[in-house]
Amino acid sequence: MHSIAWWPTLAVLAVATFTDLRSRRIPNWLVLPFMAAGLVLPAILTGWHGLAQSLEGFGLGALIYGFLSVMGGMGMGDVKLVAAIGAWVGPKQLLFAILITAMAGGLMAVGWSIYGKFAGDVWKSRKIPYAPAIAIGTLVSFFSR
């Protein structure tokens, strides 16, 4: 499934990163079809096992990032994007991607803080675009397999 997931995931991550950097939003028109395909395609290609893996990955992403969203640290676009990626790659690869994403996000937050201090506006916007960190974590998870 991973070789099939590579190109759609790469395309969605590129657009999500661009829109999140530009507008601090990840659009539903991008994520929802990607999510639906990630839930349906594995079931078509590999049967019940593919469906189970897809649902587990989706649920894991929605649970972890949903919790972060409820706590105020994440937007719902990020939650939907990670859940959709989980549907495509399954729970095992998603856990690794989330770990790398957290590290990339931490480095981004430090850089954002330093840049804000030097630019004179400390956290002008408290919203940090997280799609780039999600993209880094997901792509590293593909290359590490």
Protein backbone atom coordinates (compact mmCIF):
# COMPACT_ATOMS: atom_id res chain seq x y z
CA MET A 1 0.00 0.00 0.00
CA HIS A 2 2.84 2.39 0.72
CA SER A 3 4.00 2.68 -2.87
CA ILE A 4 0.45 3.57 -3.90
CA ALA A 5 0.18 6.08 -1.05
CA TRP A 6 3.37 7.96 -1.96
CA TRP A 7 2.17 10.21 -4.82
CA PRO A 8 -1.24 11.23 -3.47
CA THR A 9 0.30 11.88 -0.06
CA LEU A 10 3.10 13.96 -1.54
CA ALA A 11 0.64 16.05 -3.58
CA VAL A 12 -1.68 16.66 -0.62
CA LEU A 13 1.21 17.54 1.69
CA ALA A 14 2.62 20.03 -0.82
CA VAL A 15 -0.72 21.83 -1.20
CA ALA A 16 -1.49 21.66 2.54
CA THR A 17 1.92 23.10 3.40
CA PHE A 18 1.51 25.94 0.90
CA THR A 19 -2.00 26.86 2.07
CA ASP A 20 -1.10 26.56 5.76
CA LEU A 21 1.93 28.82 5.35
CA ARG A 22 -0.11 31.33 3.35
CA SER A 23 -3.41 31.40 5.25
CA ARG A 24 -2.93 29.25 8.39
CA ARG A 25 -5.66 26.92 7.10
CA ILE A 26 -5.76 23.46 5.57
CA PRO A 27 -8.83 23.33 3.31
CA ASN A 28 -11.48 20.63 3.53
CA TRP A 29 -11.65 20.38 -0.27
CA LEU A 30 -8.11 19.04 -0.11
CA VAL A 31 -8.20 16.78 2.94
CA LEU A 32 -11.65 15.17 2.80
CA PRO A 33 -11.30 13.48 -0.63
CA PHE A 34 -7.80 12.34 0.36
CA MET A 35 -9.23 10.92 3.58
CA ALA A 36 -12.08 9.12 1.78
CA ALA A 37 -9.68 7.59 -0.75
CA GLY A 38 -7.39 6.49 2.08
CA LEU A 39 -10.26 4.67 3.74
CA VAL A 40 -11.65 3.06 0.57
CA LEU A 41 -8.61 2.21 -1.58
CA PRO A 42 -6.86 -0.12 0.90
CA ALA A 43 -10.09 -2.08 1.32
CA ILE A 44 -10.41 -2.47 -2.44
CA LEU A 45 -6.79 -3.49 -2.94
CA THR A 46 -6.14 -5.72 0.06
CA GLY A 47 -9.54 -6.61 1.50
CA TRP A 48 -10.45 -6.68 5.16
CA HIS A 49 -6.86 -6.44 6.37
CA GLY A 50 -6.35 -3.24 4.37
CA LEU A 51 -9.59 -1.80 5.70
CA ALA A 52 -8.60 -2.64 9.29
CA GLN A 53 -5.16 -1.03 8.87
CA SER A 54 -6.73 2.02 7.31
CA LEU A 55 -9.30 2.43 10.08
CA GLU A 56 -6.64 1.91 12.77
CA GLY A 57 -4.37 4.55 11.23
CA PHE A 58 -7.27 6.95 10.80
CA GLY A 59 -8.43 6.42 14.39
CA LEU A 60 -4.94 6.81 15.83
CA GLY A 61 -4.34 10.08 14.00
CA ALA A 62 -7.77 11.43 14.92
CA LEU A 63 -7.33 10.42 18.57
CA ILE A 64 -3.84 11.87 19.12
CA TYR A 65 -4.30 15.08 17.16
CA GLY A 66 -7.93 15.42 18.26
CA PHE A 67 -6.72 15.49 21.85
CA LEU A 68 -4.14 18.14 20.95
CA SER A 69 -6.85 20.16 19.22
CA VAL A 70 -9.17 20.00 22.22
CA MET A 71 -6.27 21.19 24.40
CA GLY A 72 -5.90 24.21 22.09
CA GLY A 73 -2.58 23.29 20.49
CA MET A 74 -3.77 22.23 17.07
CA GLY A 75 -6.30 23.25 14.46
CA MET A 76 -8.90 20.87 13.04
CA GLY A 77 -7.25 21.03 9.62
CA ASP A 78 -4.16 19.44 11.17
CA VAL A 79 -6.32 16.78 12.82
CA LYS A 80 -8.05 15.89 9.56
CA LEU A 81 -4.76 15.86 7.65
CA VAL A 82 -3.06 13.48 10.10
CA ALA A 83 -6.13 11.23 10.28
CA ALA A 84 -6.18 11.06 6.48
CA ILE A 85 -2.47 10.24 6.36
CA GLY A 86 -3.09 7.53 8.94
CA ALA A 87 -5.77 6.05 6.71
CA TRP A 88 -3.24 5.80 3.89
CA VAL A 89 -0.21 4.53 5.80
CA GLY A 90 -1.64 2.60 8.76
CA PRO A 91 -0.94 2.89 12.48
CA LYS A 92 2.65 1.65 12.60
CA GLN A 93 4.04 4.10 10.06
CA LEU A 94 1.81 6.87 11.42
CA LEU A 95 3.31 6.53 14.91
CA PHE A 96 6.79 7.02 13.50
CA ALA A 97 5.58 9.96 11.37
CA ILE A 98 3.99 11.58 14.44
CA LEU A 99 7.24 11.25 16.39
CA ILE A 100 9.27 12.94 13.62
CA THR A 101 6.50 15.53 13.19
CA ALA A 102 6.71 16.44 16.88
CA MET A 103 10.46 16.95 16.61
CA ALA A 104 10.12 19.06 13.47
CA GLY A 105 7.30 21.06 15.05
CA GLY A 106 9.39 21.73 18.14
CA LEU A 107 12.25 23.04 16.03
CA MET A 108 9.81 25.20 14.08
CA ALA A 109 8.38 26.66 17.30
CA VAL A 110 11.87 27.54 18.55
CA GLY A 111 12.70 29.14 15.21
CA TRP A 112 9.38 30.98 15.17
CA SER A 113 10.07 32.31 18.65
CA ILE A 114 13.59 33.46 17.80
CA TYR A 115 12.44 35.06 14.56
CA GLY A 116 9.61 36.85 16.40
CA LYS A 117 12.04 38.28 18.94
CA PHE A 118 14.43 39.53 16.29
CA ALA A 119 11.62 40.86 14.11
CA GLY A 120 10.31 42.92 17.02
CA ASP A 121 6.89 41.29 17.27
CA VAL A 122 6.89 38.52 19.81
CA TRP A 123 4.38 35.98 18.56
CA LYS A 124 2.49 38.46 16.40
CA SER A 125 0.32 35.56 15.43
CA ARG A 126 0.19 32.73 17.94
CA LYS A 127 -0.77 30.36 15.15
CA ILE A 128 2.17 28.40 13.85
CA PRO A 129 1.53 26.60 10.55
CA TYR A 130 1.93 22.93 11.44
CA ALA A 131 1.44 21.36 8.00
CA PRO A 132 5.16 21.75 7.19
CA ALA A 133 6.05 19.71 10.28
CA ILE A 134 3.43 17.10 9.35
CA ALA A 135 4.90 16.96 5.84
CA ILE A 136 8.44 16.47 7.16
CA GLY A 137 7.36 13.73 9.57
CA THR A 138 5.33 11.91 6.94
CA LEU A 139 8.00 12.08 4.24
CA VAL A 140 10.72 10.90 6.64
CA SER A 141 8.46 7.97 7.58
CA PHE A 142 8.23 6.99 3.90
CA PHE A 143 12.00 7.14 3.41
CA SER A 144 12.78 5.19 6.57
CA ARG A 145 10.83 2.11 5.53
